[in-house]
C-alpha atoms as a PDB file:
ATOM      1  CA  UNK A   1     218.321 259.705 174.209  1.00  0.00           C
ATOM      2  CA  UNK A   2     215.873 259.370 176.579  1.00  0.00           C
ATOM      3  CA  UNK A   3     214.942 255.806 177.754  1.00  0.00           C
ATOM      4  CA  UNK A   4     211.285 255.030 179.231  1.00  0.00           C
ATOM      5  CA  UNK A   5     210.826 252.172 181.354  1.00  0.00           C
ATOM      6  CA  UNK A   6     207.649 250.356 180.972  1.00  0.00           C
ATOM      7  CA  UNK A   7     206.495 249.589 184.369  1.00  0.00           C
ATOM      8  CA  UNK A   8     203.425 247.454 183.133  1.00  0.00           C
ATOM      9  CA  UNK A   9     205.980 244.893 181.899  1.00  0.00           C
ATOM     10  CA  UNK A  10     207.859 244.269 185.375  1.00  0.00           C
ATOM     11  CA  UNK A  11     207.084 241.902 188.012  1.00  0.00           C
ATOM     12  CA  UNK A  12     206.742 244.459 190.667  1.00  0.00           C
ATOM     13  CA  UNK A  13     203.740 243.142 193.168  1.00  0.00           C
ATOM     14  CA  UNK A  14     203.143 245.641 195.988  1.00  0.00           C
ATOM     15  CA  UNK A  15     204.076 244.487 199.563  1.00  0.00           C
ATOM     16  CA  UNK A  16     201.866 243.900 202.302  1.00  0.00           C
ATOM     17  CA  UNK A  17     202.646 245.699 204.989  1.00  0.00           C
ATOM     18  CA  UNK A  18     203.623 242.556 207.169  1.00  0.00           C
ATOM     19  CA  UNK A  19     206.350 241.690 204.828  1.00  0.00           C
ATOM     20  CA  UNK A  20     210.050 242.239 205.700  1.00  0.00           C
ATOM     21  CA  UNK A  21     212.615 245.191 204.121  1.00  0.00           C
ATOM     22  CA  UNK A  22     215.764 244.006 203.864  1.00  0.00           C
ATOM     23  CA  UNK A  23     218.873 246.761 204.111  1.00  0.00           C
ATOM     24  CA  UNK A  24     220.533 247.661 200.555  1.00  0.00           C
ATOM     25  CA  UNK A  25     217.559 245.884 198.748  1.00  0.00           C
ATOM     26  CA  UNK A  26     216.054 247.923 195.910  1.00  0.00           C
ATOM     27  CA  UNK A  27     212.144 248.860 196.834  1.00  0.00           C
ATOM     28  CA  UNK A  28     210.079 251.004 194.406  1.00  0.00           C
ATOM     29  CA  UNK A  29     208.022 253.776 196.590  1.00  0.00           C
ATOM     30  CA  UNK A  30     205.586 255.416 195.015  1.00  0.00           C
ATOM     31  CA  UNK A  31     206.893 254.748 191.765  1.00  0.00           C
ATOM     32  CA  UNK A  32     210.709 255.943 192.693  1.00  0.00           C
ATOM     33  CA  UNK A  33     213.304 252.952 193.202  1.00  0.00           C
ATOM     34  CA  UNK A  34     214.745 253.102 196.513  1.00  0.00           C
ATOM     35  CA  UNK A  35     217.679 251.566 198.321  1.00  0.00           C
ATOM     36  CA  UNK A  36     216.530 250.615 201.761  1.00  0.00           C
ATOM     37  CA  UNK A  37     219.269 251.619 204.784  1.00  0.00           C
ATOM     38  CA  UNK A  38     217.277 249.511 207.300  1.00  0.00           C
ATOM     39  CA  UNK A  39     217.114 245.780 207.685  1.00  0.00           C
ATOM     40  CA  UNK A  40     214.282 243.052 209.071  1.00  0.00           C
ATOM     41  CA  UNK A  41     211.560 246.026 209.169  1.00  0.00           C
ATOM     42  CA  UNK A  42     208.197 245.744 207.935  1.00  0.00           C
ATOM     43  CA  UNK A  43     207.026 247.452 204.994  1.00  0.00           C
ATOM     44  CA  UNK A  44     204.436 249.098 207.365  1.00  0.00           C
ATOM     45  CA  UNK A  45     207.642 250.628 209.506  1.00  0.00           C
ATOM     46  CA  UNK A  46     209.541 251.429 206.270  1.00  0.00           C
ATOM     47  CA  UNK A  47     206.474 253.652 204.794  1.00  0.00           C
ATOM     48  CA  UNK A  48     206.550 255.678 207.400  1.00  0.00           C
ATOM     49  CA  UNK A  49     210.236 255.937 207.889  1.00  0.00           C
ATOM     50  CA  UNK A  50     210.443 256.982 204.575  1.00  0.00           C
ATOM     51  CA  UNK A  51     207.216 258.987 204.001  1.00  0.00           C
ATOM     52  CA  UNK A  52     205.791 256.399 201.394  1.00  0.00           C
ATOM     53  CA  UNK A  53     202.486 254.905 200.316  1.00  0.00           C
ATOM     54  CA  UNK A  54     203.278 251.959 198.258  1.00  0.00           C
ATOM     55  CA  UNK A  55     205.998 250.145 198.294  1.00  0.00           C
ATOM     56  CA  UNK A  56     206.730 247.692 195.553  1.00  0.00           C
ATOM     57  CA  UNK A  57     209.081 244.766 195.192  1.00  0.00           C
ATOM     58  CA  UNK A  58     211.937 246.062 192.559  1.00  0.00           C
ATOM     59  CA  UNK A  59     212.326 244.189 189.162  1.00  0.00           C
ATOM     60  CA  UNK A  60     216.210 245.003 188.785  1.00  0.00           C
ATOM     61  CA  UNK A  61     216.621 242.318 186.258  1.00  0.00           C
ATOM     62  CA  UNK A  62     213.595 243.766 184.272  1.00  0.00           C
ATOM     63  CA  UNK A  63     214.264 247.658 184.511  1.00  0.00           C
ATOM     64  CA  UNK A  64     218.121 247.126 183.358  1.00  0.00           C
ATOM     65  CA  UNK A  65     217.200 244.722 180.527  1.00  0.00           C
ATOM     66  CA  UNK A  66     214.367 247.554 179.516  1.00  0.00           C
ATOM     67  CA  UNK A  67     217.017 250.378 179.764  1.00  0.00           C
ATOM     68  CA  UNK A  68     220.270 249.102 178.405  1.00  0.00           C
ATOM     69  CA  UNK A  69     218.436 246.354 176.285  1.00  0.00           C
ATOM     70  CA  UNK A  70     219.527 242.630 176.151  1.00  0.00           C
ATOM     71  CA  UNK A  71     223.296 241.538 175.931  1.00  0.00           C
ATOM     72  CA  UNK A  72     224.065 240.215 172.223  1.00  0.00           C
END
């Protein structure tokens, strides 16, 4: 069984280059979920360090809900 995530239903806005990235938080970098190893750096610096063009906030709840379905 393959589960598909419909990203159009997620709350994952693009982060501004001046926003702050935190360690152990999940982000979406160029469409892939990544875990940050760095704390208190800018999105711009994060993009440089991981070689990404776009960073979005990760809607962990929305992704989990779609993947596993709502708990009964």
